[in-house]
Amino acid sequence: MSGFEHFQKEIEDIERAIARLGVVLGIDWQDAAQMRTLAAQALDWHPPASVPSRQQDAELHARIELYGLMQLMLTVMTQSAEEGMLAHGGPIWKTLGHALWREIEMRQTGDAE
């Protein structure tokens, strides 16, 4: 049994946290180009050797948290699919999920837009 037995609650919690970070980072969820860039950045991101304090770089900390939530989002979608359930979220979940899967798919097939 997975650690995500309550997929819908997990999805709602993750989406709410992502939405809050989107406000902090000024993300426009309607901007397809920004979504593609965000998905690529999240998939390419590696933590720096040292991270300044939150007071020194609040935006970096928000990005780190957002990228972690995006990874968790992919995990929930994958695990729910493995258990035969579709992970349905709200508009941010759908937009961001689509951008992530599209970026992953493009990398796997070598297609470029």
PDB file of N, CA and C in Angstrom:
ATOM      1  N   MET A   1       0.849  -1.169   0.000  1.00  0.00           N
ATOM      2  CA  MET A   1       0.000   0.000   0.000  1.00  0.00           C
ATOM      3  C   MET A   1       0.896   1.235   0.000  1.00  0.00           C
ATOM      4  N   SER A   2       0.538   2.221  -0.783  1.00  0.00           N
ATOM      5  CA  SER A   2       1.355   3.431  -0.893  1.00  0.00           C
ATOM      6  C   SER A   2       1.153   4.332   0.317  1.00  0.00           C
ATOM      7  N   GLY A   3       2.007   5.335   0.417  1.00  0.00           N
ATOM      8  CA  GLY A   3       1.883   6.324   1.464  1.00  0.00           C
ATOM      9  C   GLY A   3       0.873   7.403   1.108  1.00  0.00           C
ATOM     10  N   PHE A   4       0.203   7.271  -0.008  1.00  0.00           N
ATOM     11  CA  PHE A   4      -0.741   8.290  -0.466  1.00  0.00           C
ATOM     12  C   PHE A   4      -2.137   7.682  -0.622  1.00  0.00           C
ATOM     13  N   GLU A   5      -2.655   7.094   0.473  1.00  0.00           N
ATOM     14  CA  GLU A   5      -3.955   6.453   0.393  1.00  0.00           C
ATOM     15  C   GLU A   5      -5.073   7.457   0.143  1.00  0.00           C
ATOM     16  N   HIS A   6      -4.885   8.666   0.562  1.00  0.00           N
ATOM     17  CA  HIS A   6      -5.920   9.689   0.438  1.00  0.00           C
ATOM     18  C   HIS A   6      -5.483  10.674  -0.636  1.00  0.00           C
ATOM     19  N   PHE A   7      -5.488  10.209  -1.881  1.00  0.00           N
ATOM     20  CA  PHE A   7      -4.968  11.003  -2.984  1.00  0.00           C
ATOM     21  C   PHE A   7      -5.639  12.365  -3.104  1.00  0.00           C
ATOM     22  N   GLN A   8      -6.941  12.422  -2.981  1.00  0.00           N
ATOM     23  CA  GLN A   8      -7.639  13.694  -3.185  1.00  0.00           C
ATOM     24  C   GLN A   8      -7.217  14.726  -2.151  1.00  0.00           C
ATOM     25  N   LYS A   9      -7.102  14.330  -0.899  1.00  0.00           N
ATOM     26  CA  LYS A   9      -6.655  15.263   0.138  1.00  0.00           C
ATOM     27  C   LYS A   9      -5.219  15.681  -0.120  1.00  0.00           C
ATOM     28  N   GLU A  10      -4.366  14.741  -0.488  1.00  0.00           N
ATOM     29  CA  GLU A  10      -2.965  15.072  -0.806  1.00  0.00           C
ATOM     30  C   GLU A  10      -2.912  16.083  -1.952  1.00  0.00           C
ATOM     31  N   ILE A  11      -3.710  15.846  -2.976  1.00  0.00           N
ATOM     32  CA  ILE A  11      -3.736  16.724  -4.143  1.00  0.00           C
ATOM     33  C   ILE A  11      -4.170  18.129  -3.731  1.00  0.00           C
ATOM     34  N   GLU A  12      -5.220  18.220  -2.945  1.00  0.00           N
ATOM     35  CA  GLU A  12      -5.710  19.530  -2.515  1.00  0.00           C
ATOM     36  C   GLU A  12      -4.667  20.267  -1.677  1.00  0.00           C
ATOM     37  N   ASP A  13      -4.009  19.549  -0.765  1.00  0.00           N
ATOM     38  CA  ASP A  13      -2.985  20.166   0.079  1.00  0.00           C
ATOM     39  C   ASP A  13      -1.792  20.644  -0.742  1.00  0.00           C
ATOM     40  N   ILE A  14      -1.349  19.817  -1.662  1.00  0.00           N
ATOM     41  CA  ILE A  14      -0.206  20.173  -2.514  1.00  0.00           C
ATOM     42  C   ILE A  14      -0.562  21.362  -3.400  1.00  0.00           C
ATOM     43  N   GLU A  15      -1.730  21.314  -4.004  1.00  0.00           N
ATOM     44  CA  GLU A  15      -2.131  22.409  -4.893  1.00  0.00           C
ATOM     45  C   GLU A  15      -2.254  23.726  -4.134  1.00  0.00           C
ATOM     46  N   ARG A  16      -2.784  23.686  -2.935  1.00  0.00           N
ATOM     47  CA  ARG A  16      -2.916  24.901  -2.121  1.00  0.00           C
ATOM     48  C   ARG A  16      -1.537  25.479  -1.803  1.00  0.00           C
ATOM     49  N   ALA A  17      -0.592  24.630  -1.445  1.00  0.00           N
ATOM     50  CA  ALA A  17       0.767  25.095  -1.143  1.00  0.00           C
ATOM     51  C   ALA A  17       1.446  25.655  -2.394  1.00  0.00           C
ATOM     52  N   ILE A  18       1.235  25.002  -3.531  1.00  0.00           N
ATOM     53  CA  ILE A  18       1.804  25.485  -4.796  1.00  0.00           C
ATOM     54  C   ILE A  18       1.210  26.845  -5.145  1.00  0.00           C
ATOM     55  N   ALA A  19      -0.085  27.003  -4.959  1.00  0.00           N
ATOM     56  CA  ALA A  19      -0.740  28.281  -5.261  1.00  0.00           C
ATOM     57  C   ALA A  19      -0.161  29.399  -4.403  1.00  0.00           C
ATOM     58  N   ARG A  20       0.069  29.136  -3.139  1.00  0.00           N
ATOM     59  CA  ARG A  20       0.657  30.152  -2.246  1.00  0.00           C
ATOM     60  C   ARG A  20       2.048  30.559  -2.731  1.00  0.00           C
ATOM     61  N   LEU A  21       2.842  29.578  -3.099  1.00  0.00           N
ATOM     62  CA  LEU A  21       4.190  29.883  -3.591  1.00  0.00           C
ATOM     63  C   LEU A  21       4.123  30.631  -4.919  1.00  0.00           C
ATOM     64  N   GLY A  22       3.127  30.319  -5.728  1.00  0.00           N
ATOM     65  CA  GLY A  22       2.944  31.029  -6.986  1.00  0.00           C
ATOM     66  C   GLY A  22       2.711  32.510  -6.764  1.00  0.00           C
ATOM     67  N   VAL A  23       1.975  32.842  -5.713  1.00  0.00           N
ATOM     68  CA  VAL A  23       1.746  34.251  -5.375  1.00  0.00           C
ATOM     69  C   VAL A  23       3.072  34.899  -4.984  1.00  0.00           C
ATOM     70  N   VAL A  24       3.826  34.231  -4.135  1.00  0.00           N
ATOM     71  CA  VAL A  24       5.116  34.759  -3.678  1.00  0.00           C
ATOM     72  C   VAL A  24       6.061  34.985  -4.855  1.00  0.00           C
ATOM     73  N   LEU A  25       6.067  34.050  -5.811  1.00  0.00           N
ATOM     74  CA  LEU A  25       6.997  34.110  -6.940  1.00  0.00           C
ATOM     75  C   LEU A  25       6.433  34.844  -8.153  1.00  0.00           C
ATOM     76  N   GLY A  26       5.186  35.299  -8.080  1.00  0.00           N
ATOM     77  CA  GLY A  26       4.588  36.035  -9.191  1.00  0.00           C
ATOM     78  C   GLY A  26       4.331  35.173 -10.409  1.00  0.00           C
ATOM     79  N   ILE A  27       3.947  33.931 -10.199  1.00  0.00           N
ATOM     80  CA  ILE A  27       3.704  33.010 -11.308  1.00  0.00           C
ATOM     81  C   ILE A  27       2.325  33.252 -11.908  1.00  0.00           C
ATOM     82  N   ASP A  28       2.278  33.300 -13.237  1.00  0.00           N
ATOM     83  CA  ASP A  28       1.019  33.424 -13.975  1.00  0.00           C
ATOM     84  C   ASP A  28       0.681  32.038 -14.517  1.00  0.00           C
ATOM     85  N   TRP A  29      -0.246  31.374 -13.865  1.00  0.00           N
ATOM     86  CA  TRP A  29      -0.595  29.996 -14.225  1.00  0.00           C
ATOM     87  C   TRP A  29      -1.228  29.899 -15.607  1.00  0.00           C
ATOM     88  N   GLN A  30      -1.676  31.015 -16.168  1.00  0.00           N
ATOM     89  CA  GLN A  30      -2.300  31.044 -17.494  1.00  0.00           C
ATOM     90  C   GLN A  30      -1.271  31.174 -18.616  1.00  0.00           C
ATOM     91  N   ASP A  31      -0.032  31.496 -18.277  1.00  0.00           N
ATOM     92  CA  ASP A  31       1.022  31.747 -19.259  1.00  0.00           C
ATOM     93  C   ASP A  31       1.706  30.426 -19.629  1.00  0.00           C
ATOM     94  N   ALA A  32       1.382  29.879 -20.801  1.00  0.00           N
ATOM     95  CA  ALA A  32       1.907  28.575 -21.226  1.00  0.00           C
ATOM     96  C   ALA A  32       3.430  28.578 -21.317  1.00  0.00           C
ATOM     97  N   ALA A  33       4.005  29.658 -21.803  1.00  0.00           N
ATOM     98  CA  ALA A  33       5.473  29.737 -21.909  1.00  0.00           C
ATOM     99  C   ALA A  33       6.113  29.713 -20.522  1.00  0.00           C
ATOM    100  N   GLN A  34       5.513  30.427 -19.589  1.00  0.00           N
ATOM    101  CA  GLN A  34       6.041  30.424 -18.227  1.00  0.00           C
ATOM    102  C   GLN A  34       5.915  29.034 -17.605  1.00  0.00           C
ATOM    103  N   MET A  35       4.833  28.324 -17.900  1.00  0.00           N
ATOM    104  CA  MET A  35       4.655  26.971 -17.371  1.00  0.00           C
ATOM    105  C   MET A  35       5.719  26.023 -17.931  1.00  0.00           C
ATOM    106  N   ARG A  36       5.996  26.123 -19.232  1.00  0.00           N
ATOM    107  CA  ARG A  36       7.038  25.277 -19.837  1.00  0.00           C
ATOM    108  C   ARG A  36       8.389  25.556 -19.195  1.00  0.00           C
ATOM    109  N   THR A  37       8.698  26.837 -19.016  1.00  0.00           N
ATOM    110  CA  THR A  37       9.970  27.219 -18.397  1.00  0.00           C
ATOM    111  C   THR A  37      10.046  26.711 -16.962  1.00  0.00           C
ATOM    112  N   LEU A  38       8.972  26.884 -16.211  1.00  0.00           N
ATOM    113  CA  LEU A  38       8.939  26.433 -14.823  1.00  0.00           C
ATOM    114  C   LEU A  38       9.127  24.918 -14.734  1.00  0.00           C
ATOM    115  N   ALA A  39       8.455  24.179 -15.604  1.00  0.00           N
ATOM    116  CA  ALA A  39       8.600  22.716 -15.611  1.00  0.00           C
ATOM    117  C   ALA A  39      10.037  22.321 -15.918  1.00  0.00           C
ATOM    118  N   ALA A  40      10.638  22.942 -16.916  1.00  0.00           N
ATOM    119  CA  ALA A  40      12.029  22.629 -17.274  1.00  0.00           C
ATOM    120  C   ALA A  40      12.968  22.974 -16.125  1.00  0.00           C
ATOM    121  N   GLN A  41      12.772  24.132 -15.512  1.00  0.00           N
ATOM    122  CA  GLN A  41      13.627  24.537 -14.395  1.00  0.00           C
ATOM    123  C   GLN A  41      13.517  23.554 -13.230  1.00  0.00           C
ATOM    124  N   ALA A  42      12.306  23.127 -12.937  1.00  0.00           N
ATOM    125  CA  ALA A  42      12.100  22.195 -11.822  1.00  0.00           C
ATOM    126  C   ALA A  42      12.773  20.856 -12.094  1.00  0.00           C
ATOM    127  N   LEU A  43      12.663  20.378 -13.323  1.00  0.00           N
ATOM    128  CA  LEU A  43      13.261  19.085 -13.662  1.00  0.00           C
ATOM    129  C   LEU A  43      14.780  19.155 -13.725  1.00  0.00           C
ATOM    130  N   ASP A  44      15.322  20.319 -14.053  1.00  0.00           N
ATOM    131  CA  ASP A  44      16.780  20.495 -14.165  1.00  0.00           C
ATOM    132  C   ASP A  44      17.435  20.924 -12.863  1.00  0.00           C
ATOM    133  N   TRP A  45      16.670  21.325 -11.881  1.00  0.00           N
ATOM    134  CA  TRP A  45      17.206  21.955 -10.688  1.00  0.00           C
ATOM    135  C   TRP A  45      18.000  20.992  -9.828  1.00  0.00           C
ATOM    136  N   HIS A  46      19.134  21.491  -9.350  1.00  0.00           N
ATOM    137  CA  HIS A  46      19.968  20.772  -8.380  1.00  0.00           C
ATOM    138  C   HIS A  46      20.261  21.748  -7.245  1.00  0.00           C
ATOM    139  N   PRO A  47      20.183  21.295  -6.026  1.00  0.00           N
ATOM    140  CA  PRO A  47      20.408  22.223  -4.915  1.00  0.00           C
ATOM    141  C   PRO A  47      21.841  22.760  -4.932  1.00  0.00           C
ATOM    142  N   PRO A  48      21.997  24.027  -4.603  1.00  0.00           N
ATOM    143  CA  PRO A  48      23.346  24.590  -4.546  1.00  0.00           C
ATOM    144  C   PRO A  48      24.120  23.999  -3.373  1.00  0.00           C
ATOM    145  N   ALA A  49      25.440  24.124  -3.425  1.00  0.00           N
ATOM    146  CA  ALA A  49      26.292  23.588  -2.359  1.00  0.00           C
ATOM    147  C   ALA A  49      25.927  24.200  -1.012  1.00  0.00           C
ATOM    148  N   SER A  50      25.619  25.481  -1.011  1.00  0.00           N
ATOM    149  CA  SER A  50      25.165  26.115   0.226  1.00  0.00           C
ATOM    150  C   SER A  50      23.977  27.009  -0.109  1.00  0.00           C
ATOM    151  N   VAL A  51      23.054  27.040   0.804  1.00  0.00           N
ATOM    152  CA  VAL A  51      21.841  27.827   0.608  1.00  0.00           C
ATOM    153  C   VAL A  51      21.851  28.961   1.631  1.00  0.00           C
ATOM    154  N   PRO A  52      21.705  30.189   1.154  1.00  0.00           N
ATOM    155  CA  PRO A  52      21.633  31.298   2.107  1.00  0.00           C
ATOM    156  C   PRO A  52      20.377  31.182   2.965  1.00  0.00           C
ATOM    157  N   SER A  53      20.359  31.891   4.048  1.00  0.00           N
ATOM    158  CA  SER A  53      19.191  31.838   4.935  1.00  0.00           C
ATOM    159  C   SER A  53      17.958  32.377   4.203  1.00  0.00           C
ATOM    160  N   ARG A  54      16.807  32.043   4.742  1.00  0.00           N
ATOM    161  CA  ARG A  54      15.554  32.519   4.163  1.00  0.00           C
ATOM    162  C   ARG A  54      15.511  34.045   4.156  1.00  0.00           C
ATOM    163  N   GLN A  55      16.068  34.673   5.204  1.00  0.00           N
ATOM    164  CA  GLN A  55      16.087  36.134   5.269  1.00  0.00           C
ATOM    165  C   GLN A  55      16.974  36.718   4.174  1.00  0.00           C
ATOM    166  N   GLN A  56      18.038  36.020   3.813  1.00  0.00           N
ATOM    167  CA  GLN A  56      18.952  36.510   2.777  1.00  0.00           C
ATOM    168  C   GLN A  56      18.392  36.303   1.376  1.00  0.00           C
ATOM    169  N   ASP A  57      17.644  35.214   1.158  1.00  0.00           N
ATOM    170  CA  ASP A  57      17.125  34.922  -0.174  1.00  0.00           C
ATOM    171  C   ASP A  57      15.792  34.178  -0.077  1.00  0.00           C
ATOM    172  N   ALA A  58      14.752  34.947   0.203  1.00  0.00           N
ATOM    173  CA  ALA A  58      13.411  34.360   0.354  1.00  0.00           C
ATOM    174  C   ALA A  58      12.928  33.741  -0.951  1.00  0.00           C
ATOM    175  N   GLU A  59      13.274  34.355  -2.093  1.00  0.00           N
ATOM    176  CA  GLU A  59      12.820  33.815  -3.373  1.00  0.00           C
ATOM    177  C   GLU A  59      13.436  32.449  -3.642  1.00  0.00           C
ATOM    178  N   LEU A  60      14.720  32.271  -3.344  1.00  0.00           N
ATOM    179  CA  LEU A  60      15.358  30.968  -3.537  1.00  0.00           C
ATOM    180  C   LEU A  60      14.670  29.909  -2.683  1.00  0.00           C
ATOM    181  N   HIS A  61      14.363  30.249  -1.444  1.00  0.00           N
ATOM    182  CA  HIS A  61      13.684  29.288  -0.570  1.00  0.00           C
ATOM    183  C   HIS A  61      12.291  28.941  -1.104  1.00  0.00           C
ATOM    184  N   ALA A  62      11.597  29.931  -1.641  1.00  0.00           N
ATOM    185  CA  ALA A  62      10.277  29.669  -2.226  1.00  0.00           C
ATOM    186  C   ALA A  62      10.416  28.743  -3.432  1.00  0.00           C
ATOM    187  N   ARG A  63      11.434  28.969  -4.263  1.00  0.00           N
ATOM    188  CA  ARG A  63      11.660  28.100  -5.435  1.00  0.00           C
ATOM    189  C   ARG A  63      12.007  26.682  -4.999  1.00  0.00           C
ATOM    190  N   ILE A  64      12.863  26.548  -4.008  1.00  0.00           N
ATOM    191  CA  ILE A  64      13.226  25.220  -3.511  1.00  0.00           C
ATOM    192  C   ILE A  64      11.974  24.478  -3.040  1.00  0.00           C
ATOM    193  N   GLU A  65      11.130  25.172  -2.299  1.00  0.00           N
ATOM    194  CA  GLU A  65       9.891  24.560  -1.810  1.00  0.00           C
ATOM    195  C   GLU A  65       8.956  24.209  -2.970  1.00  0.00           C
ATOM    196  N   LEU A  66       8.843  25.111  -3.939  1.00  0.00           N
ATOM    197  CA  LEU A  66       7.988  24.849  -5.094  1.00  0.00           C
ATOM    198  C   LEU A  66       8.478  23.634  -5.873  1.00  0.00           C
ATOM    199  N   TYR A  67       9.773  23.554  -6.138  1.00  0.00           N
ATOM    200  CA  TYR A  67      10.314  22.415  -6.894  1.00  0.00           C
ATOM    201  C   TYR A  67      10.090  21.109  -6.136  1.00  0.00           C
ATOM    202  N   GLY A  68      10.207  21.146  -4.822  1.00  0.00           N
ATOM    203  CA  GLY A  68       9.928  19.955  -4.022  1.00  0.00           C
ATOM    204  C   GLY A  68       8.470  19.535  -4.119  1.00  0.00           C
ATOM    205  N   LEU A  69       7.573  20.518  -4.089  1.00  0.00           N
ATOM    206  CA  LEU A  69       6.147  20.215  -4.222  1.00  0.00           C
ATOM    207  C   LEU A  69       5.818  19.692  -5.612  1.00  0.00           C
ATOM    208  N   MET A  70       6.510  20.204  -6.620  1.00  0.00           N
ATOM    209  CA  MET A  70       6.290  19.704  -7.975  1.00  0.00           C
ATOM    210  C   MET A  70       6.727  18.246  -8.083  1.00  0.00           C
ATOM    211  N   GLN A  71       7.825  17.879  -7.421  1.00  0.00           N
ATOM    212  CA  GLN A  71       8.262  16.486  -7.409  1.00  0.00           C
ATOM    213  C   GLN A  71       7.241  15.618  -6.675  1.00  0.00           C
ATOM    214  N   LEU A  72       6.740  16.125  -5.564  1.00  0.00           N
ATOM    215  CA  LEU A  72       5.714  15.401  -4.815  1.00  0.00           C
ATOM    216  C   LEU A  72       4.454  15.235  -5.661  1.00  0.00           C
ATOM    217  N   MET A  73       4.118  16.267  -6.418  1.00  0.00           N
ATOM    218  CA  MET A  73       2.968  16.215  -7.318  1.00  0.00           C
ATOM    219  C   MET A  73       3.130  15.085  -8.331  1.00  0.00           C
ATOM    220  N   LEU A  74       4.312  14.994  -8.941  1.00  0.00           N
ATOM    221  CA  LEU A  74       4.575  13.909  -9.902  1.00  0.00           C
ATOM    222  C   LEU A  74       4.474  12.541  -9.227  1.00  0.00           C
ATOM    223  N   THR A  75       4.959  12.453  -7.993  1.00  0.00           N
ATOM    224  CA  THR A  75       4.904  11.191  -7.252  1.00  0.00           C
ATOM    225  C   THR A  75       3.458  10.786  -6.985  1.00  0.00           C
ATOM    226  N   VAL A  76       2.639  11.732  -6.555  1.00  0.00           N
ATOM    227  CA  VAL A  76       1.223  11.434  -6.288  1.00  0.00           C
ATOM    228  C   VAL A  76       0.530  10.991  -7.573  1.00  0.00           C
ATOM    229  N   MET A  77       0.778  11.706  -8.673  1.00  0.00           N
ATOM    230  CA  MET A  77       0.134  11.328  -9.943  1.00  0.00           C
ATOM    231  C   MET A  77       0.576   9.942 -10.382  1.00  0.00           C
ATOM    232  N   THR A  78       1.852   9.636 -10.248  1.00  0.00           N
ATOM    233  CA  THR A  78       2.371   8.331 -10.654  1.00  0.00           C
ATOM    234  C   THR A  78       1.794   7.222  -9.779  1.00  0.00           C
ATOM    235  N   GLN A  79       1.827   7.425  -8.471  1.00  0.00           N
ATOM    236  CA  GLN A  79       1.333   6.387  -7.564  1.00  0.00           C
ATOM    237  C   GLN A  79      -0.173   6.184  -7.699  1.00  0.00           C
ATOM    238  N   SER A  80      -0.905   7.264  -7.891  1.00  0.00           N
ATOM    239  CA  SER A  80      -2.353   7.090  -8.041  1.00  0.00           C
ATOM    240  C   SER A  80      -2.654   6.331  -9.332  1.00  0.00           C
ATOM    241  N   ALA A  81      -1.906   6.622 -10.398  1.00  0.00           N
ATOM    242  CA  ALA A  81      -2.102   5.899 -11.665  1.00  0.00           C
ATOM    243  C   ALA A  81      -1.765   4.421 -11.492  1.00  0.00           C
ATOM    244  N   GLU A  82      -0.705   4.127 -10.730  1.00  0.00           N
ATOM    245  CA  GLU A  82      -0.323   2.736 -10.489  1.00  0.00           C
ATOM    246  C   GLU A  82      -1.403   1.985  -9.717  1.00  0.00           C
ATOM    247  N   GLU A  83      -2.182   2.702  -8.933  1.00  0.00           N
ATOM    248  CA  GLU A  83      -3.274   2.087  -8.179  1.00  0.00           C
ATOM    249  C   GLU A  83      -4.599   2.180  -8.922  1.00  0.00           C
ATOM    250  N   GLY A  84      -4.536   2.609 -10.196  1.00  0.00           N
ATOM    251  CA  GLY A  84      -5.730   2.659 -11.028  1.00  0.00           C
ATOM    252  C   GLY A  84      -6.632   3.842 -10.778  1.00  0.00           C
ATOM    253  N   MET A  85      -6.080   4.899 -10.198  1.00  0.00           N
ATOM    254  CA  MET A  85      -6.875   6.095  -9.923  1.00  0.00           C
ATOM    255  C   MET A  85      -6.294   7.267 -10.701  1.00  0.00           C
ATOM    256  N   LEU A  86      -7.148   8.119 -11.207  1.00  0.00           N
ATOM    257  CA  LEU A  86      -6.686   9.342 -11.840  1.00  0.00           C
ATOM    258  C   LEU A  86      -6.600  10.428 -10.779  1.00  0.00           C
ATOM    259  N   ALA A  87      -5.481  11.140 -10.777  1.00  0.00           N
ATOM    260  CA  ALA A  87      -5.288  12.227  -9.815  1.00  0.00           C
ATOM    261  C   ALA A  87      -5.884  13.503 -10.390  1.00  0.00           C
ATOM    262  N   HIS A  88      -7.025  13.920  -9.853  1.00  0.00           N
ATOM    263  CA  HIS A  88      -7.698  15.133 -10.342  1.00  0.00           C
ATOM    264  C   HIS A  88      -7.484  16.259  -9.360  1.00  0.00           C
ATOM    265  N   GLY A  89      -6.984  17.365  -9.867  1.00  0.00           N
ATOM    266  CA  GLY A  89      -6.821  18.549  -9.043  1.00  0.00           C
ATOM    267  C   GLY A  89      -7.536  19.712  -9.682  1.00  0.00           C
ATOM    268  N   GLY A  90      -7.296  20.870  -9.128  1.00  0.00           N
ATOM    269  CA  GLY A  90      -7.891  22.086  -9.639  1.00  0.00           C
ATOM    270  C   GLY A  90      -7.109  22.640 -10.820  1.00  0.00           C
ATOM    271  N   PRO A  91      -7.372  23.882 -11.176  1.00  0.00           N
ATOM    272  CA  PRO A  91      -6.763  24.461 -12.377  1.00  0.00           C
ATOM    273  C   PRO A  91      -5.237  24.557 -12.314  1.00  0.00           C
ATOM    274  N   ILE A  92      -4.681  24.888 -11.162  1.00  0.00           N
ATOM    275  CA  ILE A  92      -3.221  24.972 -11.059  1.00  0.00           C
ATOM    276  C   ILE A  92      -2.615  23.582 -11.199  1.00  0.00           C
ATOM    277  N   TRP A  93      -3.202  22.607 -10.539  1.00  0.00           N
ATOM    278  CA  TRP A  93      -2.721  21.220 -10.623  1.00  0.00           C
ATOM    279  C   TRP A  93      -2.718  20.761 -12.080  1.00  0.00           C
ATOM    280  N   LYS A  94      -3.824  21.015 -12.774  1.00  0.00           N
ATOM    281  CA  LYS A  94      -3.939  20.563 -14.165  1.00  0.00           C
ATOM    282  C   LYS A  94      -2.934  21.268 -15.066  1.00  0.00           C
ATOM    283  N   THR A  95      -2.805  22.577 -14.918  1.00  0.00           N
ATOM    284  CA  THR A  95      -1.887  23.346 -15.751  1.00  0.00           C
ATOM    285  C   THR A  95      -0.446  22.923 -15.508  1.00  0.00           C
ATOM    286  N   LEU A  96      -0.062  22.858 -14.244  1.00  0.00           N
ATOM    287  CA  LEU A  96       1.309  22.504 -13.906  1.00  0.00           C
ATOM    288  C   LEU A  96       1.595  21.037 -14.228  1.00  0.00           C
ATOM    289  N   GLY A  97       0.650  20.167 -13.952  1.00  0.00           N
ATOM    290  CA  GLY A  97       0.825  18.747 -14.270  1.00  0.00           C
ATOM    291  C   GLY A  97       1.016  18.533 -15.758  1.00  0.00           C
ATOM    292  N   HIS A  98       0.226  19.223 -16.557  1.00  0.00           N
ATOM    293  CA  HIS A  98       0.347  19.121 -18.010  1.00  0.00           C
ATOM    294  C   HIS A  98       1.728  19.588 -18.461  1.00  0.00           C
ATOM    295  N   ALA A  99       2.187  20.708 -17.922  1.00  0.00           N
ATOM    296  CA  ALA A  99       3.503  21.234 -18.305  1.00  0.00           C
ATOM    297  C   ALA A  99       4.618  20.266 -17.911  1.00  0.00           C
ATOM    298  N   LEU A 100       4.519  19.689 -16.739  1.00  0.00           N
ATOM    299  CA  LEU A 100       5.543  18.738 -16.294  1.00  0.00           C
ATOM    300  C   LEU A 100       5.571  17.492 -17.172  1.00  0.00           C
ATOM    301  N   TRP A 101       4.403  16.881 -17.405  1.00  0.00           N
ATOM    302  CA  TRP A 101       4.359  15.668 -18.224  1.00  0.00           C
ATOM    303  C   TRP A 101       4.816  15.946 -19.646  1.00  0.00           C
ATOM    304  N   ARG A 102       4.445  17.105 -20.178  1.00  0.00           N
ATOM    305  CA  ARG A 102       4.858  17.473 -21.532  1.00  0.00           C
ATOM    306  C   ARG A 102       6.379  17.614 -21.607  1.00  0.00           C
ATOM    307  N   GLU A 103       6.971  18.248 -20.602  1.00  0.00           N
ATOM    308  CA  GLU A 103       8.423  18.418 -20.573  1.00  0.00           C
ATOM    309  C   GLU A 103       9.123  17.065 -20.441  1.00  0.00           C
ATOM    310  N   ILE A 104       8.605  16.207 -19.585  1.00  0.00           N
ATOM    311  CA  ILE A 104       9.185  14.870 -19.426  1.00  0.00           C
ATOM    312  C   ILE A 104       9.087  14.098 -20.733  1.00  0.00           C
ATOM    313  N   GLU A 105       7.924  14.151 -21.354  1.00  0.00           N
ATOM    314  CA  GLU A 105       7.698  13.448 -22.622  1.00  0.00           C
ATOM    315  C   GLU A 105       8.643  13.964 -23.710  1.00  0.00           C
ATOM    316  N   MET A 106       8.800  15.275 -23.792  1.00  0.00           N
ATOM    317  CA  MET A 106       9.694  15.855 -24.807  1.00  0.00           C
ATOM    318  C   MET A 106      11.130  15.399 -24.576  1.00  0.00           C
ATOM    319  N   ARG A 107      11.542  15.304 -23.346  1.00  0.00           N
ATOM    320  CA  ARG A 107      12.905  14.863 -23.034  1.00  0.00           C
ATOM    321  C   ARG A 107      13.104  13.387 -23.375  1.00  0.00           C
ATOM    322  N   GLN A 108      12.076  12.606 -23.157  1.00  0.00           N
ATOM    323  CA  GLN A 108      12.180  11.172 -23.445  1.00  0.00           C
ATOM    324  C   GLN A 108      12.198  10.887 -24.939  1.00  0.00           C
ATOM    325  N   THR A 109      11.446  11.664 -25.713  1.00  0.00           N
ATOM    326  CA  THR A 109      11.369  11.431 -27.142  1.00  0.00           C
ATOM    327  C   THR A 109      12.382  12.272 -27.929  1.00  0.00           C
ATOM    328  N   GLY A 110      12.958  13.265 -27.255  1.00  0.00           N
ATOM    329  CA  GLY A 110      13.909  14.144 -27.946  1.00  0.00           C
ATOM    330  C   GLY A 110      13.244  15.185 -28.817  1.00  0.00           C
ATOM    331  N   ASP A 111      11.915  15.328 -28.700  1.00  0.00           N
ATOM    332  CA  ASP A 111      11.188  16.331 -29.466  1.00  0.00           C
ATOM    333  C   ASP A 111      11.411  17.708 -28.850  1.00  0.00           C
ATOM    334  N   ALA A 112      11.523  18.680 -29.692  1.00  0.00           N
ATOM    335  CA  ALA A 112      11.608  20.066 -29.237  1.00  0.00           C
ATOM    336  C   ALA A 112      10.472  20.839 -29.887  1.00  0.00           C
ATOM    337  N   GLU A 113       9.956  21.798 -29.164  1.00  0.00           N
ATOM    338  CA  GLU A 113       8.862  22.599 -29.734  1.00  0.00           C
ATOM    339  C   GLU A 113       9.393  23.639 -30.659  1.00  0.00           C
TER     340      GLU A 113
END
